[in-house]
Protein backbone atom coordinates (compact mmCIF):
# COMPACT_ATOMS: atom_id res chain seq x y z
CA UNK A 1 -6.13 -11.18 -12.06
CA UNK A 2 -9.84 -11.91 -11.56
CA UNK A 3 -10.94 -12.63 -15.11
CA UNK A 4 -10.41 -11.63 -18.75
CA UNK A 5 -12.35 -9.06 -20.76
CA UNK A 6 -12.49 -9.87 -24.48
CA UNK A 7 -12.94 -6.97 -26.89
CA UNK A 8 -13.47 -7.37 -30.63
CA UNK A 9 -13.13 -4.00 -32.32
CA UNK A 10 -13.96 -4.37 -36.00
CA UNK A 11 -11.85 -7.48 -36.71
CA UNK A 12 -9.20 -7.09 -33.99
CA UNK A 13 -9.32 -9.09 -30.76
CA UNK A 14 -8.04 -7.61 -27.50
CA UNK A 15 -7.73 -9.54 -24.24
CA UNK A 16 -7.73 -7.32 -21.15
CA UNK A 17 -6.77 -8.78 -17.74
CA UNK A 18 -9.12 -7.49 -15.02
CA UNK A 19 -7.19 -6.91 -11.77
CA UNK A 20 -10.02 -5.82 -9.44
CA UNK A 21 -13.68 -4.92 -9.24
CA UNK A 22 -15.26 -2.49 -9.98
CA UNK A 23 -13.05 -1.83 -12.99
CA UNK A 24 -13.28 0.44 -16.04
CA UNK A 25 -11.31 -0.06 -19.22
CA UNK A 26 -11.11 2.80 -21.69
CA UNK A 27 -9.50 3.24 -25.09
CA UNK A 28 -9.38 5.68 -27.96
CA UNK A 29 -11.86 5.19 -30.82
CA UNK A 30 -11.67 8.31 -32.93
CA UNK A 31 -14.73 7.40 -34.98
CA UNK A 32 -17.19 4.55 -35.45
CA UNK A 33 -16.41 0.87 -34.84
CA UNK A 34 -18.21 -2.44 -34.56
CA UNK A 35 -17.78 -3.52 -30.93
CA UNK A 36 -18.24 -6.87 -29.24
CA UNK A 37 -17.28 -7.26 -25.57
CA UNK A 38 -17.76 -10.36 -23.47
CA UNK A 39 -16.77 -12.12 -20.26
CA UNK A 40 -16.89 -15.71 -19.10
CA UNK A 41 -20.52 -16.18 -17.92
CA UNK A 42 -19.29 -18.44 -15.10
CA UNK A 43 -16.89 -15.80 -13.75
CA UNK A 44 -19.47 -14.02 -11.59
CA UNK A 45 -18.62 -10.65 -13.17
CA UNK A 46 -20.45 -8.56 -15.73
CA UNK A 47 -20.30 -5.49 -17.93
CA UNK A 48 -22.17 -2.86 -15.92
CA UNK A 49 -22.18 -0.22 -18.65
CA UNK A 50 -20.76 0.83 -22.02
CA UNK A 51 -20.15 4.53 -22.58
CA UNK A 52 -18.81 6.76 -25.33
CA UNK A 53 -17.18 10.16 -24.98
CA UNK A 54 -17.73 12.54 -27.87
CA UNK A 55 -15.17 15.14 -29.01
CA UNK A 56 -16.87 17.73 -26.76
CA UNK A 57 -16.25 15.54 -23.69
CA UNK A 58 -19.86 14.48 -23.08
CA UNK A 59 -20.34 10.98 -21.62
CA UNK A 60 -23.35 9.00 -22.91
CA UNK A 61 -24.51 5.41 -22.92
CA UNK A 62 -23.65 3.57 -26.11
CA UNK A 63 -26.48 2.17 -28.20
CA UNK A 64 -26.20 -1.63 -28.15
CA UNK A 65 -27.94 -4.69 -29.55
CA UNK A 66 -31.16 -5.78 -27.84
CA UNK A 67 -29.47 -9.18 -27.34
CA UNK A 68 -26.95 -7.63 -24.93
CA UNK A 69 -26.41 -9.14 -21.49
CA UNK A 70 -23.87 -8.44 -18.72
CA UNK A 71 -21.55 -11.08 -20.21
CA UNK A 72 -22.00 -10.15 -23.89
CA UNK A 73 -22.63 -6.75 -25.48
CA UNK A 74 -22.43 -5.72 -29.12
CA UNK A 75 -23.20 -2.71 -31.25
CA UNK A 76 -21.88 -0.03 -33.55
CA UNK A 77 -20.18 2.58 -31.39
CA UNK A 78 -19.31 6.12 -32.46
CA UNK A 79 -17.29 8.58 -30.42
CA UNK A 80 -13.87 9.78 -29.40
CA UNK A 81 -13.31 7.32 -26.56
CA UNK A 82 -14.88 4.09 -25.34
CA UNK A 83 -15.30 3.13 -21.67
CA UNK A 84 -16.39 -0.36 -20.57
CA UNK A 85 -17.28 -0.65 -16.88
CA UNK A 86 -17.20 -3.98 -15.06
CA UNK A 87 -18.60 -5.05 -11.71
CA UNK A 88 -19.68 -8.11 -9.75
CA UNK A 89 -22.80 -9.74 -11.10
CA UNK A 90 -23.90 -13.39 -10.92
CA UNK A 91 -22.68 -16.72 -12.27
CA UNK A 92 -24.58 -17.82 -15.36
CA UNK A 93 -24.45 -21.03 -17.37
CA UNK A 94 -23.66 -23.30 -18.86
CA UNK A 95 -27.44 -23.78 -19.34
CA UNK A 96 -29.52 -20.61 -18.88
CA UNK A 97 -33.34 -20.73 -19.00
CA UNK A 98 -34.94 -17.60 -20.48
CA UNK A 99 -38.60 -16.64 -20.50
CA UNK A 100 -40.42 -13.36 -21.20
CA UNK A 101 -43.12 -12.07 -18.86
CA UNK A 102 -46.22 -9.93 -19.35
CA UNK A 103 -45.71 -6.23 -20.01
CA UNK A 104 -47.01 -3.58 -17.61
CA UNK A 105 -47.49 0.14 -18.24
CA UNK A 106 -46.86 2.82 -15.59
CA UNK A 107 -47.26 6.57 -15.53
CA UNK A 108 -44.01 8.53 -15.54
CA UNK A 109 -44.73 11.77 -13.72
CA UNK A 110 -41.29 13.15 -12.99
CA UNK A 111 -39.62 10.01 -11.67
CA UNK A 112 -40.26 6.29 -11.41
CA UNK A 113 -38.30 3.41 -9.89
CA UNK A 114 -38.51 0.08 -11.70
CA UNK A 115 -38.10 -3.12 -9.70
CA UNK A 116 -37.83 -6.64 -11.11
CA UNK A 117 -36.27 -9.99 -10.25
CA UNK A 118 -33.82 -10.99 -12.99
CA UNK A 119 -34.03 -8.61 -15.95
CA UNK A 120 -36.46 -6.38 -17.81
CA UNK A 121 -37.01 -4.53 -21.06
CA UNK A 122 -37.86 -0.89 -20.27
CA UNK A 123 -39.63 1.23 -22.92
CA UNK A 124 -40.11 4.93 -22.23
CA UNK A 125 -42.28 7.55 -23.93
CA UNK A 126 -41.53 11.00 -22.55
CA UNK A 127 -42.20 14.62 -23.45
CA UNK A 128 -38.60 15.46 -22.54
CA UNK A 129 -35.45 13.41 -22.82
CA UNK A 130 -35.57 10.72 -20.13
CA UNK A 131 -32.71 9.99 -17.77
CA UNK A 132 -32.15 6.35 -16.76
CA UNK A 133 -29.65 5.43 -14.03
CA UNK A 134 -28.51 2.16 -12.51
CA UNK A 135 -26.08 -0.71 -13.02
CA UNK A 136 -26.16 -3.28 -15.83
CA UNK A 137 -28.36 -1.12 -18.05
CA UNK A 138 -27.92 -1.06 -21.84
CA UNK A 139 -29.54 1.40 -24.20
CA UNK A 140 -31.11 -0.40 -27.15
CA UNK A 141 -32.61 2.52 -29.07
CA UNK A 142 -33.42 6.20 -28.74
CA UNK A 143 -35.28 8.55 -31.08
CA UNK A 144 -37.30 11.75 -31.08
CA UNK A 145 -40.50 11.81 -33.12
CA UNK A 146 -42.41 15.10 -33.23
CA UNK A 147 -41.12 16.20 -29.83
CA UNK A 148 -41.71 12.86 -28.09
CA UNK A 149 -38.76 10.78 -26.94
CA UNK A 150 -38.94 7.03 -27.47
CA UNK A 151 -36.22 5.17 -25.54
CA UNK A 152 -35.69 1.47 -25.00
CA UNK A 153 -33.37 -0.18 -22.47
CA UNK A 154 -32.63 -3.65 -21.20
CA UNK A 155 -31.62 -3.89 -17.54
CA UNK A 156 -30.27 -6.74 -15.45
CA UNK A 157 -30.21 -5.29 -11.95
CA UNK A 158 -32.92 -3.49 -9.99
CA UNK A 159 -33.74 -0.84 -9.00
CA UNK A 160 -33.61 1.36 -12.08
CA UNK A 161 -34.40 5.06 -11.65
CA UNK A 162 -36.23 6.77 -14.52
CA UNK A 163 -36.82 10.50 -14.88
CA UNK A 164 -39.19 11.89 -17.49
CA UNK A 165 -42.83 12.70 -18.20
CA UNK A 166 -44.98 10.17 -19.99
CA UNK A 167 -45.32 6.36 -19.84
CA UNK A 168 -43.08 3.44 -18.92
CA UNK A 169 -43.62 -0.07 -20.29
CA UNK A 170 -41.77 -2.81 -18.38
CA UNK A 171 -41.47 -6.40 -19.65
CA UNK A 172 -39.83 -8.71 -17.10
CA UNK A 173 -37.37 -11.40 -18.17
CA UNK A 174 -36.80 -14.50 -16.08
CA UNK A 175 -33.39 -16.20 -16.09
CA UNK A 176 -34.40 -18.98 -13.71
CA UNK A 177 -37.80 -20.16 -14.91
CA UNK A 178 -38.59 -23.88 -14.69
CA UNK A 179 -40.66 -23.60 -17.88
CA UNK A 180 -38.59 -21.24 -20.04
CA UNK A 181 -39.29 -20.05 -23.54
CA UNK A 182 -35.84 -21.31 -24.55
CA UNK A 183 -32.46 -22.28 -23.11
CA UNK A 184 -29.09 -20.69 -23.78
CA UNK A 185 -26.29 -23.25 -23.77
CA UNK A 186 -22.77 -21.84 -23.31
CA UNK A 187 -20.22 -24.46 -24.47
CA UNK A 188 -17.25 -24.93 -22.17
CA UNK A 189 -14.53 -27.58 -21.74
CA UNK A 190 -15.78 -30.49 -19.67
CA UNK A 191 -19.44 -29.60 -20.25
CA UNK A 192 -21.85 -31.35 -22.60
CA UNK A 193 -25.61 -31.38 -23.08
CA UNK A 194 -27.94 -34.33 -22.93
CA UNK A 195 -31.39 -33.90 -24.44
CA UNK A 196 -32.97 -30.85 -26.01
CA UNK A 197 -32.59 -29.70 -29.61
CA UNK A 198 -31.13 -26.55 -31.14
CA UNK A 199 -33.30 -23.87 -32.69
CA UNK A 200 -32.58 -20.84 -34.85
CA UNK A 201 -34.02 -17.85 -33.01
CA UNK A 202 -33.00 -14.38 -31.87
CA UNK A 203 -32.69 -14.11 -28.12
CA UNK A 204 -30.37 -12.99 -25.37
CA UNK A 205 -26.67 -13.62 -25.91
CA UNK A 206 -24.35 -14.58 -23.06
CA UNK A 207 -21.34 -15.82 -25.09
CA UNK A 208 -20.16 -15.72 -28.72
CA UNK A 209 -20.46 -19.48 -29.26
CA UNK A 210 -23.75 -20.07 -27.45
CA UNK A 211 -26.57 -22.29 -28.75
CA UNK A 212 -30.36 -21.83 -28.33
CA UNK A 213 -32.17 -24.98 -27.22
CA UNK A 214 -35.71 -26.20 -26.68
CA UNK A 215 -36.97 -29.28 -24.90
CA UNK A 216 -35.49 -30.64 -21.68
CA UNK A 217 -31.72 -30.40 -21.93
CA UNK A 218 -29.48 -31.33 -19.01
CA UNK A 219 -25.81 -30.68 -18.31
CA UNK A 220 -23.21 -33.46 -18.17
CA UNK A 221 -19.96 -32.59 -16.35
CA UNK A 222 -16.63 -34.39 -16.74
CA UNK A 223 -13.02 -33.76 -15.73
CA UNK A 224 -10.79 -31.96 -18.20
CA UNK A 225 -7.25 -33.16 -18.85
CA UNK A 226 -4.59 -30.57 -19.67
CA UNK A 227 -1.20 -31.43 -21.20
CA UNK A 228 2.00 -30.60 -19.29
CA UNK A 229 5.03 -29.32 -21.20
CA UNK A 230 8.41 -27.86 -20.37
CA UNK A 231 11.28 -28.95 -18.13
CA UNK A 232 9.17 -31.29 -15.97
CA UNK A 233 6.99 -34.16 -17.12
CA UNK A 234 3.62 -34.85 -15.57
CA UNK A 235 -0.13 -34.56 -15.93
CA UNK A 236 -2.84 -32.04 -15.05
CA UNK A 237 -6.62 -32.00 -14.89
CA UNK A 238 -9.54 -29.77 -13.88
CA UNK A 239 -11.86 -31.64 -11.49
CA UNK A 240 -14.75 -29.12 -11.69
CA UNK A 241 -14.96 -27.24 -15.01
CA UNK A 242 -17.85 -25.07 -13.76
CA UNK A 243 -15.94 -23.53 -10.84
CA UNK A 244 -14.37 -20.09 -11.16
CA UNK A 245 -11.56 -19.57 -10.62
CA UNK A 246 -10.63 -22.93 -12.08
CA UNK A 247 -8.85 -25.40 -9.84
CA UNK A 248 -6.10 -27.25 -11.72
CA UNK A 249 -4.37 -30.24 -10.16
CA UNK A 250 -0.82 -30.63 -11.49
CA UNK A 251 1.14 -33.82 -10.72
CA UNK A 252 4.78 -34.03 -11.82
CA UNK A 253 6.50 -37.37 -12.34
CA UNK A 254 9.00 -36.69 -9.53
CA UNK A 255 6.15 -36.82 -7.00
CA UNK A 256 5.46 -33.11 -6.65
CA UNK A 257 1.79 -32.14 -6.83
CA UNK A 258 0.26 -28.68 -6.90
CA UNK A 259 -3.27 -27.37 -6.74
CA UNK A 260 -3.35 -24.06 -8.57
CA UNK A 261 -6.12 -21.65 -9.49
CA UNK A 262 -6.58 -19.91 -12.83
CA UNK A 263 -9.27 -17.50 -14.05
CA UNK A 264 -9.62 -19.29 -17.41
CA UNK A 265 -8.96 -22.67 -19.04
CA UNK A 266 -5.29 -23.03 -19.96
CA UNK A 267 -4.42 -24.77 -23.21
CA UNK A 268 -1.43 -26.39 -21.53
CA UNK A 269 0.61 -26.28 -18.35
CA UNK A 270 4.14 -25.01 -18.90
CA UNK A 271 6.71 -26.13 -16.34
CA UNK A 272 10.20 -24.94 -15.45
CA UNK A 273 12.90 -25.82 -12.91
CA UNK A 274 13.39 -23.71 -9.81
CA UNK A 275 16.97 -22.41 -9.89
CA UNK A 276 16.87 -20.04 -6.95
CA UNK A 277 15.05 -17.53 -4.77
CA UNK A 278 16.12 -13.90 -4.66
CA UNK A 279 14.40 -11.84 -1.97
CA UNK A 280 15.65 -8.42 -0.94
CA UNK A 281 14.90 -5.79 1.66
CA UNK A 282 13.27 -2.50 0.80
CA UNK A 283 16.67 -0.97 0.10
CA UNK A 284 17.95 -3.93 -1.95
CA UNK A 285 19.89 -5.97 0.61
CA UNK A 286 19.55 -9.75 -0.02
CA UNK A 287 17.77 -11.45 2.85
CA UNK A 288 20.42 -14.18 2.77
CA UNK A 289 22.99 -11.58 3.84
CA UNK A 290 20.88 -10.92 6.94
CA UNK A 291 20.46 -14.64 7.76
CA UNK A 292 16.70 -14.42 7.16
CA UNK A 293 14.94 -17.56 5.96
CA UNK A 294 12.98 -17.21 2.70
CA UNK A 295 11.38 -19.98 0.64
CA UNK A 296 8.91 -20.21 -2.29
CA UNK A 297 5.23 -21.09 -1.87
CA UNK A 298 2.09 -21.13 -4.01
CA UNK A 299 -0.91 -18.82 -3.54
CA UNK A 300 -2.35 -21.09 -0.83
CA UNK A 301 0.89 -21.38 1.14
CA UNK A 302 1.88 -24.76 -0.30
CA UNK A 303 5.66 -25.22 -0.38
CA UNK A 304 6.99 -25.08 -3.94
CA UNK A 305 9.34 -27.84 -5.01
CA UNK A 306 11.85 -28.33 -7.79
CA UNK A 307 9.29 -27.94 -10.59
CA UNK A 308 7.26 -24.78 -11.04
CA UNK A 309 4.19 -23.98 -13.12
CA UNK A 310 4.63 -20.95 -15.34
CA UNK A 311 1.90 -18.33 -15.44
CA UNK A 312 0.66 -18.61 -11.87
CA UNK A 313 1.42 -16.39 -8.91
CA UNK A 314 4.14 -17.57 -6.57
CA UNK A 315 5.12 -16.00 -3.28
CA UNK A 316 8.24 -15.87 -1.16
CA UNK A 317 7.56 -16.73 2.47
CA UNK A 318 9.82 -14.92 4.94
CA UNK A 319 10.31 -15.99 8.55
CA UNK A 320 10.93 -12.87 10.61
CA UNK A 321 10.62 -12.20 14.34
CA UNK A 322 8.53 -15.31 14.94
CA UNK A 323 6.00 -14.70 12.16
CA UNK A 324 5.68 -15.60 8.48
CA UNK A 325 5.11 -12.96 5.82
CA UNK A 326 4.33 -13.54 2.15
CA UNK A 327 5.50 -11.39 -0.76
CA UNK A 328 4.53 -11.84 -4.45
CA UNK A 329 7.38 -13.11 -6.60
CA UNK A 330 8.18 -12.90 -10.30
CA UNK A 331 9.41 -16.05 -12.03
CA UNK A 332 12.08 -15.36 -14.63
CA UNK A 333 14.64 -17.81 -15.99
CA UNK A 334 13.89 -20.22 -13.16
CA UNK A 335 14.51 -17.65 -10.39
CA UNK A 336 11.76 -16.34 -8.13
CA UNK A 337 12.46 -12.69 -7.34
CA UNK A 338 10.61 -10.78 -4.64
CA UNK A 339 11.06 -7.32 -3.19
CA UNK A 340 9.91 -7.10 0.42
CA UNK A 341 9.08 -4.21 2.74
CA UNK A 342 11.64 -5.44 5.26
CA UNK A 343 14.18 -2.87 6.43
CA UNK A 344 17.31 -2.92 8.56
CA UNK A 345 17.10 0.52 10.19
CA UNK A 346 20.15 2.63 10.88
CA UNK A 347 20.01 5.30 13.59
CA UNK A 348 21.17 8.89 13.33
CA UNK A 349 21.46 10.45 16.80
CA UNK A 350 21.27 14.20 17.08
CA UNK A 351 22.82 14.67 20.46
CA UNK A 352 24.93 12.22 22.45
CA UNK A 353 25.50 8.48 22.19
CA UNK A 354 24.62 5.94 19.53
CA UNK A 355 21.41 4.04 18.81
CA UNK A 356 20.60 0.33 18.76
CA UNK A 357 17.34 -0.85 17.12
CA UNK A 358 15.38 -3.81 18.47
CA UNK A 359 14.47 -5.86 16.52
CA UNK A 360 17.34 -5.15 14.16
CA UNK A 361 15.27 -6.14 11.09
CA UNK A 362 11.54 -5.44 10.78
CA UNK A 363 8.80 -4.64 8.24
CA UNK A 364 8.62 -1.00 7.27
CA UNK A 365 6.21 0.91 9.47
CA UNK A 366 6.16 -1.68 12.26
CA UNK A 367 6.94 -0.77 15.88
CA UNK A 368 10.59 -0.92 16.93
CA UNK A 369 12.54 0.26 19.99
CA UNK A 370 15.62 2.46 19.75
CA UNK A 371 17.95 2.40 22.76
CA UNK A 372 20.55 5.16 23.13
CA UNK A 373 23.92 4.12 24.60
CA UNK A 374 27.04 5.99 25.65
CA UNK A 375 30.16 4.08 26.73
CA UNK A 376 28.05 0.97 27.19
CA UNK A 377 25.46 2.68 29.40
CA UNK A 378 21.87 2.97 28.20
CA UNK A 379 20.76 6.58 28.41
CA UNK A 380 17.24 6.40 27.01
CA UNK A 381 14.78 4.32 25.01
CA UNK A 382 12.45 5.52 22.27
CA UNK A 383 9.53 3.95 20.36
CA UNK A 384 9.74 4.44 16.60
CA UNK A 385 8.45 3.14 13.27
CA UNK A 386 10.78 0.96 11.25
CA UNK A 387 12.29 2.73 8.25
CA UNK A 388 15.69 2.67 6.53
CA UNK A 389 16.95 5.64 8.60
CA UNK A 390 15.58 6.54 12.04
CA UNK A 391 16.51 9.98 13.36
CA UNK A 392 16.58 10.42 17.15
CA UNK A 393 16.99 13.85 18.72
CA UNK A 394 18.21 13.30 22.30
CA UNK A 395 19.76 16.71 22.84
CA UNK A 396 17.41 17.16 25.80
CA UNK A 397 19.28 14.38 27.63
CA UNK A 398 22.28 16.63 28.31
CA UNK A 399 22.68 19.27 31.02
CA UNK A 400 25.20 22.11 31.27
CA UNK A 401 27.26 22.34 34.47
CA UNK A 402 29.60 25.18 35.37
CA UNK A 403 32.56 24.23 37.56
CA UNK A 404 34.32 26.90 39.67
CA UNK A 405 37.08 27.01 42.25
CA UNK A 406 36.58 28.54 45.69
CA UNK A 407 37.12 32.03 44.31
CA UNK A 408 34.65 31.55 41.46
CA UNK A 409 37.21 31.16 38.71
CA UNK A 410 36.34 28.60 35.99
CA UNK A 411 38.41 25.43 35.81
CA UNK A 412 40.36 25.47 32.57
CA UNK A 413 40.75 21.74 31.82
CA UNK A 414 38.86 19.12 33.84
CA UNK A 415 36.46 16.20 33.63
CA UNK A 416 33.23 15.22 35.33
CA UNK A 417 32.35 11.58 36.02
CA UNK A 418 28.64 10.67 36.32
CA UNK A 419 28.18 7.00 37.07
CA UNK A 420 30.49 5.25 34.64
CA UNK A 421 30.31 8.10 32.12
CA UNK A 422 33.07 10.68 31.84
CA UNK A 423 32.69 14.08 30.21
CA UNK A 424 35.47 16.53 29.40
CA UNK A 425 35.08 20.22 30.17
CA UNK A 426 36.95 23.42 29.42
CA UNK A 427 36.77 27.00 30.62
CA UNK A 428 34.48 26.03 33.46
CA UNK A 429 31.72 24.49 31.29
CA UNK A 430 30.87 20.83 30.71
CA UNK A 431 27.88 19.07 29.10
CA UNK A 432 26.88 15.87 30.90
CA UNK A 433 24.10 13.29 30.95
CA UNK A 434 22.67 13.49 34.49
CA UNK A 435 22.19 9.82 35.29
CA UNK A 436 23.16 10.39 38.96
CA UNK A 437 22.88 13.18 41.53
CA UNK A 438 26.49 12.67 42.64
CA UNK A 439 29.37 13.64 40.39
CA UNK A 440 33.13 13.49 40.60
CA UNK A 441 35.19 16.42 39.36
CA UNK A 442 38.73 15.59 38.27
CA UNK A 443 41.24 18.42 38.20
CA UNK A 444 45.04 18.28 38.03
CA UNK A 445 45.22 14.67 39.18
CA UNK A 446 42.80 15.03 42.08
CA UNK A 447 39.14 14.08 42.36
CA UNK A 448 36.43 15.93 44.22
CA UNK A 449 32.97 14.60 45.10
CA UNK A 450 30.09 17.01 44.67
CA UNK A 451 26.32 17.14 44.31
CA UNK A 452 24.91 17.77 40.87
CA UNK A 453 23.76 21.34 40.29
CA UNK A 454 24.00 23.94 37.59
CA UNK A 455 27.11 25.40 39.28
CA UNK A 456 29.58 23.27 41.21
CA UNK A 457 32.37 24.69 43.41
CA UNK A 458 35.38 22.54 44.20
CA UNK A 459 37.99 23.30 46.91
CA UNK A 460 40.85 24.19 44.59
CA UNK A 461 42.63 27.31 43.42
CA UNK A 462 43.19 27.73 39.74
CA UNK A 463 46.18 29.59 38.35
CA UNK A 464 43.86 32.46 37.62
CA UNK A 465 42.84 32.60 41.26
CA UNK A 466 46.48 32.42 42.42
CA UNK A 467 47.31 35.33 40.15
CA UNK A 468 44.37 37.18 41.59
CA UNK A 469 45.62 36.45 45.13
CA UNK A 470 49.18 37.53 44.28
CA UNK A 471 47.94 40.67 42.64
CA UNK A 472 45.74 41.40 45.60
CA UNK A 473 48.68 40.83 47.99
CA UNK A 474 50.91 43.22 46.07
CA UNK A 475 48.23 45.82 46.00
CA UNK A 476 47.57 45.38 49.71
CA UNK A 477 51.32 45.62 50.57
CA UNK A 478 51.76 48.71 48.52
CA UNK A 479 48.76 50.27 50.13
CA UNK A 480 50.10 49.47 53.62
CA UNK A 481 53.53 50.98 52.83
CA UNK A 482 51.99 54.14 51.57
CA UNK A 483 49.89 54.37 54.67
CA UNK A 484 52.96 54.16 57.02
CA UNK A 485 55.21 56.68 55.12
CA UNK A 486 55.30 60.45 56.37
CA UNK A 487 53.31 62.72 54.13
CA UNK A 488 55.96 65.59 54.18
CA UNK A 489 58.90 63.46 53.25
CA UNK A 490 62.42 65.03 53.94
CA UNK A 491 61.01 68.53 54.40
CA UNK A 492 60.34 70.08 57.78
CA UNK A 493 56.85 71.05 58.60
CA UNK A 494 56.08 74.70 58.14
CA UNK A 495 56.80 76.79 61.31
CA UNK A 496 59.28 74.34 62.89
CA UNK A 497 62.49 75.75 64.38
CA UNK A 498 66.04 74.69 63.50
CA UNK A 499 68.75 73.99 65.97
CA UNK A 500 69.62 77.66 66.12
CA UNK A 501 66.08 78.57 66.97
CA UNK A 502 65.28 80.12 63.64
CA UNK A 503 61.85 79.66 62.43
CA UNK A 504 61.21 78.33 58.92
CA UNK A 505 58.26 79.85 57.18
């Protein structure tokens, strides 16, 4: 939180924490309200614009009091929604000199850019509705009289772009003059005024409780003591009440001392006892279960002790892989709880082997190495980003090898050894990881050395080949017998004679 935005709507006070800059806070109005919005003038931030949105959705600048400044605006606002924009401005106070300069008139022929040092009142007379753009500009009045637009603005940051057709009157305002028309004193703890006297005038407003002064006032600064309550006794003080954020020195009676920063003056310092630290990985595993060191610190890295100050931001420091990381923690019932982005990745391998991540625990998105192992042998190494689950596709590491006997028949049940890895194969096919060019084929209790290739032939005969040989032998024998047998059989050839000399026809 950078600062606080205070909104008084009619009689209701709202306090809005401002987390970053630029920042816009919006809320529903649904009609007309009396609005006062202000910031700490010493914060260095300001209200850059106040806008209303009508029921038709049109966005316009709200009409505000001519006393409005970047740290204090007021006016009667009408519309459907209200939007208050904040941005970085300048530190003001606690004693602000204000003086009005001489007015100057300029022709407005289409467009004009106004430049000034601190602030200026801008009055516009235009034949058509003027358009004024820039930061830290507040519309004071706007009316149309007989076709001529009369608009008045007060601006606190140059340049200001003006579009219209007519005249522009600019009255500069100095917020740093050595001979001011008056001073604005913004009361604050630890600040008092010496000299000067209050007056009842109407001028610029920087805070609700400010005082107008004349003469030669000067600022007197003193330390501010703040009471300490809660589980731990001690004392606290603000050494420089003008600094923002405020530095508060808290000293507990047990010897612990903290220097903490706050965006506003605390009424008291509430203390509590530290009962434990609960830090978890991204997926909810306690860091203690992973033997990771975690300890509480303040915003500036100071080690937190037994007593803690409620309402300030604590962090959990984590020692991991030789470096220290800090994670914001929430204090509840004496326990600081932090959720980290640390992960312990698991590996899903789509292919062969299993994965090992180095380092085993790392911040999400950081670089890690995944090594793929099979039977204790490292097959490959991949670079990856740390996440709860890392998926590795190493299917391209394997190669298919066909194993045949000398007749080309596939081996039915065998294994192939590559290095110290062994792969089982069936029906002549095996998938291996080719970590060597020499392989050993094991078949029926014997081993055969071969060179790695897509097809490997080993000097064996499978049962299928033996059956083929036997079948071929039977076929060959039958063919030979048929070739040696007489074609006519038991019959005599036609025309041969018998023993009696008769001729058979």
